[in-house]
Amino acid sequence: MSLDYKKTNIKLAKTLRKNSTPQEKRLWYDFLRKYDVRFQRQKAIDNYIADFYSHKAKLIIEIDGSQHYTEEGKNGDEFRTERLEEYGLKIIRFTNYQIDTNFYGVCKYIDKIVKEEL
């Protein structure tokens, strides 16, 4: 299944790649970039931009900062997750704190989920 995307999000995705958070950079450079299953950074899907996306595993990985913990942020994430799941995608989320304090555990969990999805 081909994923729809909003063309105007391509430029924004490129900007986000250039301005990644420290946690996104760590996950990319220290794990996902050389992972056996290909991931893309800041992938435009539908009206959204996923932090990390694997077509083969049909998996989106989101790294959540503080804005995701407001009522508005939680509601937006819930709606976004429901919409992206309509494409048959699985979405997993980690906090910046989890990346900072349990990086090995995060990587191990991602590996487990990828293997389950394949």
PDB file of N, CA and C in Angstrom:
ATOM      1  N   MET A   1       0.838  -1.178   0.000  1.00  0.00           N
ATOM      2  CA  MET A   1       0.000   0.000   0.000  1.00  0.00           C
ATOM      3  C   MET A   1       0.884   1.243   0.000  1.00  0.00           C
ATOM      4  N   SER A   2       0.589   2.133  -0.889  1.00  0.00           N
ATOM      5  CA  SER A   2       1.327   3.388  -0.969  1.00  0.00           C
ATOM      6  C   SER A   2       0.815   4.349   0.103  1.00  0.00           C
ATOM      7  N   LEU A   3       1.730   5.104   0.676  1.00  0.00           N
ATOM      8  CA  LEU A   3       1.357   6.057   1.710  1.00  0.00           C
ATOM      9  C   LEU A   3       1.135   7.428   1.096  1.00  0.00           C
ATOM     10  N   ASP A   4      -0.005   8.015   1.397  1.00  0.00           N
ATOM     11  CA  ASP A   4      -0.269   9.377   0.952  1.00  0.00           C
ATOM     12  C   ASP A   4       0.579  10.329   1.772  1.00  0.00           C
ATOM     13  N   TYR A   5       0.841  11.488   1.217  1.00  0.00           N
ATOM     14  CA  TYR A   5       1.531  12.525   1.977  1.00  0.00           C
ATOM     15  C   TYR A   5       1.178  13.890   1.402  1.00  0.00           C
ATOM     16  N   LYS A   6       1.295  14.874   2.234  1.00  0.00           N
ATOM     17  CA  LYS A   6       1.039  16.252   1.852  1.00  0.00           C
ATOM     18  C   LYS A   6       2.355  16.830   1.320  1.00  0.00           C
ATOM     19  N   LYS A   7       2.377  17.261   0.068  1.00  0.00           N
ATOM     20  CA  LYS A   7       3.611  17.710  -0.567  1.00  0.00           C
ATOM     21  C   LYS A   7       4.293  18.838   0.202  1.00  0.00           C
ATOM     22  N   THR A   8       3.517  19.684   0.832  1.00  0.00           N
ATOM     23  CA  THR A   8       4.119  20.799   1.580  1.00  0.00           C
ATOM     24  C   THR A   8       4.889  20.312   2.800  1.00  0.00           C
ATOM     25  N   ASN A   9       4.647  19.085   3.230  1.00  0.00           N
ATOM     26  CA  ASN A   9       5.369  18.538   4.390  1.00  0.00           C
ATOM     27  C   ASN A   9       6.792  18.077   4.050  1.00  0.00           C
ATOM     28  N   ILE A  10       7.102  17.926   2.767  1.00  0.00           N
ATOM     29  CA  ILE A  10       8.431  17.466   2.377  1.00  0.00           C
ATOM     30  C   ILE A  10       9.485  18.488   2.817  1.00  0.00           C
ATOM     31  N   LYS A  11       9.250  19.750   2.558  1.00  0.00           N
ATOM     32  CA  LYS A  11      10.203  20.789   2.957  1.00  0.00           C
ATOM     33  C   LYS A  11      10.340  20.839   4.482  1.00  0.00           C
ATOM     34  N   LEU A  12       9.222  20.737   5.185  1.00  0.00           N
ATOM     35  CA  LEU A  12       9.253  20.736   6.644  1.00  0.00           C
ATOM     36  C   LEU A  12      10.028  19.524   7.167  1.00  0.00           C
ATOM     37  N   ALA A  13       9.827  18.360   6.550  1.00  0.00           N
ATOM     38  CA  ALA A  13      10.542  17.148   6.970  1.00  0.00           C
ATOM     39  C   ALA A  13      12.050  17.342   6.820  1.00  0.00           C
ATOM     40  N   LYS A  14      12.487  17.940   5.731  1.00  0.00           N
ATOM     41  CA  LYS A  14      13.915  18.206   5.529  1.00  0.00           C
ATOM     42  C   LYS A  14      14.452  19.139   6.612  1.00  0.00           C
ATOM     43  N   THR A  15      13.676  20.152   6.949  1.00  0.00           N
ATOM     44  CA  THR A  15      14.074  21.088   8.003  1.00  0.00           C
ATOM     45  C   THR A  15      14.176  20.369   9.341  1.00  0.00           C
ATOM     46  N   LEU A  16      13.213  19.509   9.633  1.00  0.00           N
ATOM     47  CA  LEU A  16      13.229  18.753  10.891  1.00  0.00           C
ATOM     48  C   LEU A  16      14.437  17.820  10.964  1.00  0.00           C
ATOM     49  N   ARG A  17      14.805  17.226   9.829  1.00  0.00           N
ATOM     50  CA  ARG A  17      15.991  16.354   9.804  1.00  0.00           C
ATOM     51  C   ARG A  17      17.246  17.146  10.160  1.00  0.00           C
ATOM     52  N   LYS A  18      17.325  18.374   9.648  1.00  0.00           N
ATOM     53  CA  LYS A  18      18.499  19.215   9.920  1.00  0.00           C
ATOM     54  C   LYS A  18      18.512  19.731  11.355  1.00  0.00           C
ATOM     55  N   ASN A  19      17.337  19.788  11.984  1.00  0.00           N
ATOM     56  CA  ASN A  19      17.222  20.344  13.331  1.00  0.00           C
ATOM     57  C   ASN A  19      16.700  19.320  14.328  1.00  0.00           C
ATOM     58  N   SER A  20      17.181  18.094  14.224  1.00  0.00           N
ATOM     59  CA  SER A  20      16.726  17.017  15.109  1.00  0.00           C
ATOM     60  C   SER A  20      17.061  17.326  16.563  1.00  0.00           C
ATOM     61  N   THR A  21      16.247  16.783  17.458  1.00  0.00           N
ATOM     62  CA  THR A  21      16.530  16.916  18.885  1.00  0.00           C
ATOM     63  C   THR A  21      17.724  16.030  19.228  1.00  0.00           C
ATOM     64  N   PRO A  22      18.371  16.281  20.354  1.00  0.00           N
ATOM     65  CA  PRO A  22      19.491  15.411  20.761  1.00  0.00           C
ATOM     66  C   PRO A  22      19.071  13.939  20.868  1.00  0.00           C
ATOM     67  N   GLN A  23      17.850  13.704  21.331  1.00  0.00           N
ATOM     68  CA  GLN A  23      17.372  12.329  21.492  1.00  0.00           C
ATOM     69  C   GLN A  23      17.141  11.672  20.127  1.00  0.00           C
ATOM     70  N   GLU A  24      16.596  12.422  19.173  1.00  0.00           N
ATOM     71  CA  GLU A  24      16.406  11.877  17.826  1.00  0.00           C
ATOM     72  C   GLU A  24      17.763  11.583  17.187  1.00  0.00           C
ATOM     73  N   LYS A  25      18.721  12.480  17.356  1.00  0.00           N
ATOM     74  CA  LYS A  25      20.057  12.265  16.807  1.00  0.00           C
ATOM     75  C   LYS A  25      20.693  11.008  17.409  1.00  0.00           C
ATOM     76  N   ARG A  26      20.554  10.856  18.702  1.00  0.00           N
ATOM     77  CA  ARG A  26      21.161   9.691  19.358  1.00  0.00           C
ATOM     78  C   ARG A  26      20.550   8.394  18.836  1.00  0.00           C
ATOM     79  N   LEU A  27      19.220   8.354  18.770  1.00  0.00           N
ATOM     80  CA  LEU A  27      18.574   7.133  18.288  1.00  0.00           C
ATOM     81  C   LEU A  27      18.978   6.851  16.845  1.00  0.00           C
ATOM     82  N   TRP A  28      19.071   7.871  16.016  1.00  0.00           N
ATOM     83  CA  TRP A  28      19.439   7.681  14.615  1.00  0.00           C
ATOM     84  C   TRP A  28      20.896   7.249  14.474  1.00  0.00           C
ATOM     85  N   TYR A  29      21.802   8.050  15.003  1.00  0.00           N
ATOM     86  CA  TYR A  29      23.230   7.800  14.777  1.00  0.00           C
ATOM     87  C   TYR A  29      23.788   6.615  15.561  1.00  0.00           C
ATOM     88  N   ASP A  30      23.199   6.344  16.717  1.00  0.00           N
ATOM     89  CA  ASP A  30      23.733   5.260  17.546  1.00  0.00           C
ATOM     90  C   ASP A  30      22.979   3.939  17.404  1.00  0.00           C
ATOM     91  N   PHE A  31      21.885   3.934  16.599  1.00  0.00           N
ATOM     92  CA  PHE A  31      21.138   2.685  16.474  1.00  0.00           C
ATOM     93  C   PHE A  31      20.468   2.508  15.105  1.00  0.00           C
ATOM     94  N   LEU A  32      19.515   3.345  14.768  1.00  0.00           N
ATOM     95  CA  LEU A  32      18.674   3.088  13.594  1.00  0.00           C
ATOM     96  C   LEU A  32      19.395   3.231  12.252  1.00  0.00           C
ATOM     97  N   ARG A  33      20.371   4.111  12.172  1.00  0.00           N
ATOM     98  CA  ARG A  33      21.052   4.365  10.896  1.00  0.00           C
ATOM     99  C   ARG A  33      21.679   3.096  10.337  1.00  0.00           C
ATOM    100  N   LYS A  34      22.215   2.243  11.199  1.00  0.00           N
ATOM    101  CA  LYS A  34      22.888   1.021  10.746  1.00  0.00           C
ATOM    102  C   LYS A  34      22.104  -0.244  11.099  1.00  0.00           C
ATOM    103  N   TYR A  35      20.860  -0.069  11.505  1.00  0.00           N
ATOM    104  CA  TYR A  35      20.025  -1.209  11.869  1.00  0.00           C
ATOM    105  C   TYR A  35      19.768  -2.066  10.628  1.00  0.00           C
ATOM    106  N   ASP A  36      19.586  -3.365  10.824  1.00  0.00           N
ATOM    107  CA  ASP A  36      19.407  -4.297   9.707  1.00  0.00           C
ATOM    108  C   ASP A  36      18.193  -3.981   8.850  1.00  0.00           C
ATOM    109  N   VAL A  37      17.142  -3.474   9.441  1.00  0.00           N
ATOM    110  CA  VAL A  37      15.925  -3.105   8.715  1.00  0.00           C
ATOM    111  C   VAL A  37      15.978  -1.593   8.499  1.00  0.00           C
ATOM    112  N   ARG A  38      15.749  -1.158   7.261  1.00  0.00           N
ATOM    113  CA  ARG A  38      15.896   0.253   6.916  1.00  0.00           C
ATOM    114  C   ARG A  38      14.830   1.119   7.584  1.00  0.00           C
ATOM    115  N   PHE A  39      15.288   2.230   8.147  1.00  0.00           N
ATOM    116  CA  PHE A  39      14.422   3.267   8.688  1.00  0.00           C
ATOM    117  C   PHE A  39      14.711   4.571   7.967  1.00  0.00           C
ATOM    118  N   GLN A  40      13.706   5.414   7.881  1.00  0.00           N
ATOM    119  CA  GLN A  40      13.850   6.762   7.351  1.00  0.00           C
ATOM    120  C   GLN A  40      13.569   7.742   8.475  1.00  0.00           C
ATOM    121  N   ARG A  41      14.216   8.909   8.420  1.00  0.00           N
ATOM    122  CA  ARG A  41      13.987   9.961   9.412  1.00  0.00           C
ATOM    123  C   ARG A  41      12.998  10.976   8.846  1.00  0.00           C
ATOM    124  N   GLN A  42      12.150  11.480   9.721  1.00  0.00           N
ATOM    125  CA  GLN A  42      11.226  12.557   9.374  1.00  0.00           C
ATOM    126  C   GLN A  42      10.503  12.254   8.056  1.00  0.00           C
ATOM    127  N   LYS A  43       9.732  11.200   8.059  1.00  0.00           N
ATOM    128  CA  LYS A  43       9.018  10.716   6.881  1.00  0.00           C
ATOM    129  C   LYS A  43       7.621  11.330   6.822  1.00  0.00           C
ATOM    130  N   ALA A  44       7.316  11.992   5.721  1.00  0.00           N
ATOM    131  CA  ALA A  44       5.982  12.566   5.517  1.00  0.00           C
ATOM    132  C   ALA A  44       5.003  11.439   5.199  1.00  0.00           C
ATOM    133  N   ILE A  45       3.968  11.339   6.026  1.00  0.00           N
ATOM    134  CA  ILE A  45       2.911  10.346   5.839  1.00  0.00           C
ATOM    135  C   ILE A  45       1.589  11.045   6.130  1.00  0.00           C
ATOM    136  N   ASP A  46       0.683  11.021   5.149  1.00  0.00           N
ATOM    137  CA  ASP A  46      -0.610  11.681   5.285  1.00  0.00           C
ATOM    138  C   ASP A  46      -0.359  13.155   5.588  1.00  0.00           C
ATOM    139  N   ASN A  47      -0.965  13.691   6.629  1.00  0.00           N
ATOM    140  CA  ASN A  47      -0.756  15.091   7.010  1.00  0.00           C
ATOM    141  C   ASN A  47       0.306  15.242   8.089  1.00  0.00           C
ATOM    142  N   TYR A  48       1.062  14.193   8.340  1.00  0.00           N
ATOM    143  CA  TYR A  48       1.979  14.160   9.474  1.00  0.00           C
ATOM    144  C   TYR A  48       3.418  13.904   9.026  1.00  0.00           C
ATOM    145  N   ILE A  49       4.318  14.068   9.969  1.00  0.00           N
ATOM    146  CA  ILE A  49       5.716  13.708   9.743  1.00  0.00           C
ATOM    147  C   ILE A  49       6.133  12.801  10.893  1.00  0.00           C
ATOM    148  N   ALA A  50       6.442  11.565  10.538  1.00  0.00           N
ATOM    149  CA  ALA A  50       6.865  10.580  11.539  1.00  0.00           C
ATOM    150  C   ALA A  50       8.344  10.777  11.835  1.00  0.00           C
ATOM    151  N   ASP A  51       8.721  10.670  13.106  1.00  0.00           N
ATOM    152  CA  ASP A  51      10.132  10.817  13.462  1.00  0.00           C
ATOM    153  C   ASP A  51      10.983   9.768  12.746  1.00  0.00           C
ATOM    154  N   PHE A  52      10.570   8.503  12.826  1.00  0.00           N
ATOM    155  CA  PHE A  52      11.280   7.402  12.172  1.00  0.00           C
ATOM    156  C   PHE A  52      10.245   6.439  11.591  1.00  0.00           C
ATOM    157  N   TYR A  53      10.524   5.918  10.402  1.00  0.00           N
ATOM    158  CA  TYR A  53       9.577   5.054   9.720  1.00  0.00           C
ATOM    159  C   TYR A  53      10.310   3.922   9.011  1.00  0.00           C
ATOM    160  N   SER A  54       9.796   2.706   9.194  1.00  0.00           N
ATOM    161  CA  SER A  54      10.288   1.551   8.456  1.00  0.00           C
ATOM    162  C   SER A  54       9.150   0.998   7.609  1.00  0.00           C
ATOM    163  N   HIS A  55       9.344   1.057   6.294  1.00  0.00           N
ATOM    164  CA  HIS A  55       8.338   0.516   5.379  1.00  0.00           C
ATOM    165  C   HIS A  55       8.221  -0.998   5.535  1.00  0.00           C
ATOM    166  N   LYS A  56       9.357  -1.662   5.624  1.00  0.00           N
ATOM    167  CA  LYS A  56       9.359  -3.121   5.715  1.00  0.00           C
ATOM    168  C   LYS A  56       8.634  -3.614   6.967  1.00  0.00           C
ATOM    169  N   ALA A  57       8.884  -2.972   8.103  1.00  0.00           N
ATOM    170  CA  ALA A  57       8.253  -3.382   9.365  1.00  0.00           C
ATOM    171  C   ALA A  57       6.905  -2.708   9.585  1.00  0.00           C
ATOM    172  N   LYS A  58       6.545  -1.771   8.718  1.00  0.00           N
ATOM    173  CA  LYS A  58       5.292  -1.004   8.869  1.00  0.00           C
ATOM    174  C   LYS A  58       5.223  -0.392  10.270  1.00  0.00           C
ATOM    175  N   LEU A  59       6.327   0.253  10.643  1.00  0.00           N
ATOM    176  CA  LEU A  59       6.501   0.753  12.002  1.00  0.00           C
ATOM    177  C   LEU A  59       6.915   2.221  12.004  1.00  0.00           C
ATOM    178  N   ILE A  60       6.284   2.973  12.890  1.00  0.00           N
ATOM    179  CA  ILE A  60       6.653   4.365  13.148  1.00  0.00           C
ATOM    180  C   ILE A  60       7.150   4.448  14.581  1.00  0.00           C
ATOM    181  N   ILE A  61       8.273   5.140  14.752  1.00  0.00           N
ATOM    182  CA  ILE A  61       8.807   5.401  16.087  1.00  0.00           C
ATOM    183  C   ILE A  61       8.733   6.899  16.323  1.00  0.00           C
ATOM    184  N   GLU A  62       8.106   7.286  17.412  1.00  0.00           N
ATOM    185  CA  GLU A  62       7.985   8.694  17.784  1.00  0.00           C
ATOM    186  C   GLU A  62       8.757   8.947  19.070  1.00  0.00           C
ATOM    187  N   ILE A  63       9.486  10.053  19.104  1.00  0.00           N
ATOM    188  CA  ILE A  63      10.192  10.491  20.303  1.00  0.00           C
ATOM    189  C   ILE A  63       9.460  11.737  20.799  1.00  0.00           C
ATOM    190  N   ASP A  64       8.878  11.648  21.975  1.00  0.00           N
ATOM    191  CA  ASP A  64       8.007  12.705  22.480  1.00  0.00           C
ATOM    192  C   ASP A  64       8.699  13.624  23.476  1.00  0.00           C
ATOM    193  N   GLY A  65       8.654  14.905  23.178  1.00  0.00           N
ATOM    194  CA  GLY A  65       9.116  15.933  24.099  1.00  0.00           C
ATOM    195  C   GLY A  65       7.957  16.422  24.951  1.00  0.00           C
ATOM    196  N   SER A  66       8.197  17.463  25.719  1.00  0.00           N
ATOM    197  CA  SER A  66       7.213  17.944  26.703  1.00  0.00           C
ATOM    198  C   SER A  66       5.894  18.390  26.090  1.00  0.00           C
ATOM    199  N   GLN A  67       5.894  18.876  24.849  1.00  0.00           N
ATOM    200  CA  GLN A  67       4.654  19.348  24.232  1.00  0.00           C
ATOM    201  C   GLN A  67       3.624  18.237  24.063  1.00  0.00           C
ATOM    202  N   HIS A  68       4.065  17.002  24.121  1.00  0.00           N
ATOM    203  CA  HIS A  68       3.154  15.863  23.958  1.00  0.00           C
ATOM    204  C   HIS A  68       2.394  15.534  25.245  1.00  0.00           C
ATOM    205  N   TYR A  69       2.725  16.207  26.335  1.00  0.00           N
ATOM    206  CA  TYR A  69       2.116  15.873  27.616  1.00  0.00           C
ATOM    207  C   TYR A  69       1.085  16.895  28.073  1.00  0.00           C
ATOM    208  N   THR A  70       0.781  17.861  27.218  1.00  0.00           N
ATOM    209  CA  THR A  70      -0.327  18.770  27.487  1.00  0.00           C
ATOM    210  C   THR A  70      -1.605  18.060  27.051  1.00  0.00           C
ATOM    211  N   GLU A  71      -2.727  18.560  27.478  1.00  0.00           N
ATOM    212  CA  GLU A  71      -4.005  17.962  27.067  1.00  0.00           C
ATOM    213  C   GLU A  71      -4.152  18.020  25.551  1.00  0.00           C
ATOM    214  N   GLU A  72      -3.806  19.150  24.977  1.00  0.00           N
ATOM    215  CA  GLU A  72      -3.880  19.315  23.523  1.00  0.00           C
ATOM    216  C   GLU A  72      -2.919  18.353  22.811  1.00  0.00           C
ATOM    217  N   GLY A  73      -1.727  18.215  23.348  1.00  0.00           N
ATOM    218  CA  GLY A  73      -0.743  17.303  22.762  1.00  0.00           C
ATOM    219  C   GLY A  73      -1.192  15.858  22.811  1.00  0.00           C
ATOM    220  N   LYS A  74      -1.740  15.449  23.948  1.00  0.00           N
ATOM    221  CA  LYS A  74      -2.221  14.071  24.092  1.00  0.00           C
ATOM    222  C   LYS A  74      -3.352  13.783  23.112  1.00  0.00           C
ATOM    223  N   ASN A  75      -4.297  14.731  22.995  1.00  0.00           N
ATOM    224  CA  ASN A  75      -5.421  14.553  22.074  1.00  0.00           C
ATOM    225  C   ASN A  75      -4.934  14.489  20.627  1.00  0.00           C
ATOM    226  N   GLY A  76      -3.992  15.357  20.277  1.00  0.00           N
ATOM    227  CA  GLY A  76      -3.438  15.346  18.925  1.00  0.00           C
ATOM    228  C   GLY A  76      -2.727  14.047  18.609  1.00  0.00           C
ATOM    229  N   ASP A  77      -1.956  13.549  19.564  1.00  0.00           N
ATOM    230  CA  ASP A  77      -1.243  12.282  19.367  1.00  0.00           C
ATOM    231  C   ASP A  77      -2.214  11.118  19.203  1.00  0.00           C
ATOM    232  N   GLU A  78      -3.273  11.134  19.979  1.00  0.00           N
ATOM    233  CA  GLU A  78      -4.273  10.062  19.889  1.00  0.00           C
ATOM    234  C   GLU A  78      -4.924  10.057  18.511  1.00  0.00           C
ATOM    235  N   PHE A  79      -5.320  11.227  18.032  1.00  0.00           N
ATOM    236  CA  PHE A  79      -5.945  11.339  16.706  1.00  0.00           C
ATOM    237  C   PHE A  79      -4.960  10.912  15.619  1.00  0.00           C
ATOM    238  N   ARG A  80      -3.752  11.390  15.726  1.00  0.00           N
ATOM    239  CA  ARG A  80      -2.701  11.077  14.754  1.00  0.00           C
ATOM    240  C   ARG A  80      -2.442   9.569  14.707  1.00  0.00           C
ATOM    241  N   THR A  81      -2.337   8.941  15.870  1.00  0.00           N
ATOM    242  CA  THR A  81      -2.108   7.499  15.938  1.00  0.00           C
ATOM    243  C   THR A  81      -3.242   6.741  15.255  1.00  0.00           C
ATOM    244  N   GLU A  82      -4.481   7.117  15.545  1.00  0.00           N
ATOM    245  CA  GLU A  82      -5.631   6.450  14.915  1.00  0.00           C
ATOM    246  C   GLU A  82      -5.576   6.587  13.397  1.00  0.00           C
ATOM    247  N   ARG A  83      -5.249   7.771  12.919  1.00  0.00           N
ATOM    248  CA  ARG A  83      -5.186   8.017  11.472  1.00  0.00           C
ATOM    249  C   ARG A  83      -4.072   7.182  10.825  1.00  0.00           C
ATOM    250  N   LEU A  84      -2.907   7.157  11.438  1.00  0.00           N
ATOM    251  CA  LEU A  84      -1.786   6.410  10.864  1.00  0.00           C
ATOM    252  C   LEU A  84      -2.009   4.901  10.940  1.00  0.00           C
ATOM    253  N   GLU A  85      -2.718   4.452  11.958  1.00  0.00           N
ATOM    254  CA  GLU A  85      -3.040   3.020  12.058  1.00  0.00           C
ATOM    255  C   GLU A  85      -3.960   2.574  10.933  1.00  0.00           C
ATOM    256  N   GLU A  86      -4.704   3.505  10.348  1.00  0.00           N
ATOM    257  CA  GLU A  86      -5.566   3.170   9.208  1.00  0.00           C
ATOM    258  C   GLU A  86      -4.743   2.707   8.009  1.00  0.00           C
ATOM    259  N   TYR A  87      -3.480   3.049   7.957  1.00  0.00           N
ATOM    260  CA  TYR A  87      -2.569   2.590   6.905  1.00  0.00           C
ATOM    261  C   TYR A  87      -1.967   1.227   7.245  1.00  0.00           C
ATOM    262  N   GLY A  88      -2.364   0.651   8.371  1.00  0.00           N
ATOM    263  CA  GLY A  88      -1.807  -0.626   8.793  1.00  0.00           C
ATOM    264  C   GLY A  88      -0.463  -0.482   9.482  1.00  0.00           C
ATOM    265  N   LEU A  89      -0.175   0.713   9.980  1.00  0.00           N
ATOM    266  CA  LEU A  89       1.096   0.979  10.636  1.00  0.00           C
ATOM    267  C   LEU A  89       0.974   0.811  12.141  1.00  0.00           C
ATOM    268  N   LYS A  90       2.066   0.408  12.751  1.00  0.00           N
ATOM    269  CA  LYS A  90       2.150   0.338  14.209  1.00  0.00           C
ATOM    270  C   LYS A  90       2.980   1.538  14.658  1.00  0.00           C
ATOM    271  N   ILE A  91       2.537   2.193  15.718  1.00  0.00           N
ATOM    272  CA  ILE A  91       3.227   3.357  16.236  1.00  0.00           C
ATOM    273  C   ILE A  91       3.690   3.057  17.657  1.00  0.00           C
ATOM    274  N   ILE A  92       4.992   3.260  17.896  1.00  0.00           N
ATOM    275  CA  ILE A  92       5.499   3.146  19.255  1.00  0.00           C
ATOM    276  C   ILE A  92       6.111   4.482  19.643  1.00  0.00           C
ATOM    277  N   ARG A  93       5.981   4.817  20.917  1.00  0.00           N
ATOM    278  CA  ARG A  93       6.421   6.122  21.408  1.00  0.00           C
ATOM    279  C   ARG A  93       7.389   5.963  22.567  1.00  0.00           C
ATOM    280  N   PHE A  94       8.365   6.846  22.575  1.00  0.00           N
ATOM    281  CA  PHE A  94       9.304   6.936  23.682  1.00  0.00           C
ATOM    282  C   PHE A  94       9.414   8.392  24.090  1.00  0.00           C
ATOM    283  N   THR A  95       9.718   8.605  25.340  1.00  0.00           N
ATOM    284  CA  THR A  95       9.936   9.964  25.810  1.00  0.00           C
ATOM    285  C   THR A  95      11.412  10.317  25.649  1.00  0.00           C
ATOM    286  N   ASN A  96      11.690  11.608  25.636  1.00  0.00           N
ATOM    287  CA  ASN A  96      13.086  12.052  25.637  1.00  0.00           C
ATOM    288  C   ASN A  96      13.815  11.453  26.837  1.00  0.00           C
ATOM    289  N   TYR A  97      13.117  11.414  27.966  1.00  0.00           N
ATOM    290  CA  TYR A  97      13.701  10.885  29.195  1.00  0.00           C
ATOM    291  C   TYR A  97      14.119   9.419  29.030  1.00  0.00           C
ATOM    292  N   GLN A  98      13.279   8.627  28.372  1.00  0.00           N
ATOM    293  CA  GLN A  98      13.616   7.219  28.150  1.00  0.00           C
ATOM    294  C   GLN A  98      14.868   7.080  27.282  1.00  0.00           C
ATOM    295  N   ILE A  99      14.981   7.910  26.274  1.00  0.00           N
ATOM    296  CA  ILE A  99      16.173   7.877  25.418  1.00  0.00           C
ATOM    297  C   ILE A  99      17.407   8.248  26.241  1.00  0.00           C
ATOM    298  N   ASP A 100      17.258   9.264  27.084  1.00  0.00           N
ATOM    299  CA  ASP A 100      18.387   9.748  27.881  1.00  0.00           C
ATOM    300  C   ASP A 100      18.812   8.776  28.979  1.00  0.00           C
ATOM    301  N   THR A 101      17.864   8.061  29.575  1.00  0.00           N
ATOM    302  CA  THR A 101      18.181   7.257  30.759  1.00  0.00           C
ATOM    303  C   THR A 101      18.177   5.747  30.533  1.00  0.00           C
ATOM    304  N   ASN A 102      17.577   5.287  29.437  1.00  0.00           N
ATOM    305  CA  ASN A 102      17.485   3.842  29.209  1.00  0.00           C
ATOM    306  C   ASN A 102      17.661   3.537  27.718  1.00  0.00           C
ATOM    307  N   PHE A 103      18.693   4.092  27.130  1.00  0.00           N
ATOM    308  CA  PHE A 103      18.894   3.958  25.691  1.00  0.00           C
ATOM    309  C   PHE A 103      18.979   2.495  25.260  1.00  0.00           C
ATOM    310  N   TYR A 104      19.728   1.696  25.986  1.00  0.00           N
ATOM    311  CA  TYR A 104      19.853   0.277  25.643  1.00  0.00           C
ATOM    312  C   TYR A 104      18.483  -0.410  25.672  1.00  0.00           C
ATOM    313  N   GLY A 105      17.683  -0.126  26.676  1.00  0.00           N
ATOM    314  CA  GLY A 105      16.350  -0.721  26.780  1.00  0.00           C
ATOM    315  C   GLY A 105      15.445  -0.302  25.640  1.00  0.00           C
ATOM    316  N   VAL A 106      15.529   0.963  25.233  1.00  0.00           N
ATOM    317  CA  VAL A 106      14.737   1.461  24.099  1.00  0.00           C
ATOM    318  C   VAL A 106      15.127   0.706  22.831  1.00  0.00           C
ATOM    319  N   CYS A 107      16.426   0.577  22.586  1.00  0.00           N
ATOM    320  CA  CYS A 107      16.900  -0.117  21.382  1.00  0.00           C
ATOM    321  C   CYS A 107      16.476  -1.580  21.384  1.00  0.00           C
ATOM    322  N   LYS A 108      16.575  -2.209  22.527  1.00  0.00           N
ATOM    323  CA  LYS A 108      16.177  -3.613  22.665  1.00  0.00           C
ATOM    324  C   LYS A 108      14.677  -3.773  22.370  1.00  0.00           C
ATOM    325  N   TYR A 109      13.873  -2.843  22.871  1.00  0.00           N
ATOM    326  CA  TYR A 109      12.427  -2.901  22.634  1.00  0.00           C
ATOM    327  C   TYR A 109      12.108  -2.681  21.145  1.00  0.00           C
ATOM    328  N   ILE A 110      12.768  -1.715  20.512  1.00  0.00           N
ATOM    329  CA  ILE A 110      12.556  -1.485  19.079  1.00  0.00           C
ATOM    330  C   ILE A 110      12.893  -2.750  18.301  1.00  0.00           C
ATOM    331  N   ASP A 111      14.013  -3.370  18.603  1.00  0.00           N
ATOM    332  CA  ASP A 111      14.422  -4.599  17.934  1.00  0.00           C
ATOM    333  C   ASP A 111      13.367  -5.688  18.099  1.00  0.00           C
ATOM    334  N   LYS A 112      12.833  -5.821  19.291  1.00  0.00           N
ATOM    335  CA  LYS A 112      11.790  -6.817  19.570  1.00  0.00           C
ATOM    336  C   LYS A 112      10.540  -6.553  18.720  1.00  0.00           C
ATOM    337  N   ILE A 113      10.107  -5.307  18.671  1.00  0.00           N
ATOM    338  CA  ILE A 113       8.893  -4.952  17.918  1.00  0.00           C
ATOM    339  C   ILE A 113       9.124  -5.164  16.418  1.00  0.00           C
ATOM    340  N   VAL A 114      10.269  -4.746  15.900  1.00  0.00           N
ATOM    341  CA  VAL A 114      10.560  -4.944  14.475  1.00  0.00           C
ATOM    342  C   VAL A 114      10.495  -6.425  14.139  1.00  0.00           C
ATOM    343  N   LYS A 115      11.103  -7.256  14.941  1.00  0.00           N
ATOM    344  CA  LYS A 115      11.094  -8.700  14.676  1.00  0.00           C
ATOM    345  C   LYS A 115       9.686  -9.278  14.734  1.00  0.00           C
ATOM    346  N   GLU A 116       8.861  -8.783  15.664  1.00  0.00           N
ATOM    347  CA  GLU A 116       7.462  -9.235  15.733  1.00  0.00           C
ATOM    348  C   GLU A 116       6.688  -8.804  14.486  1.00  0.00           C
ATOM    349  N   GLU A 117       6.944  -7.603  14.002  1.00  0.00           N
ATOM    350  CA  GLU A 117       6.206  -7.078  12.839  1.00  0.00           C
ATOM    351  C   GLU A 117       6.611  -7.753  11.537  1.00  0.00           C
ATOM    352  N   LEU A 118       7.833  -8.272  11.497  1.00  0.00           N
ATOM    353  CA  LEU A 118       8.282  -8.967  10.277  1.00  0.00           C
ATOM    354  C   LEU A 118       7.810 -10.403  10.296  1.00  0.00           C
TER     355      LEU A 118
END
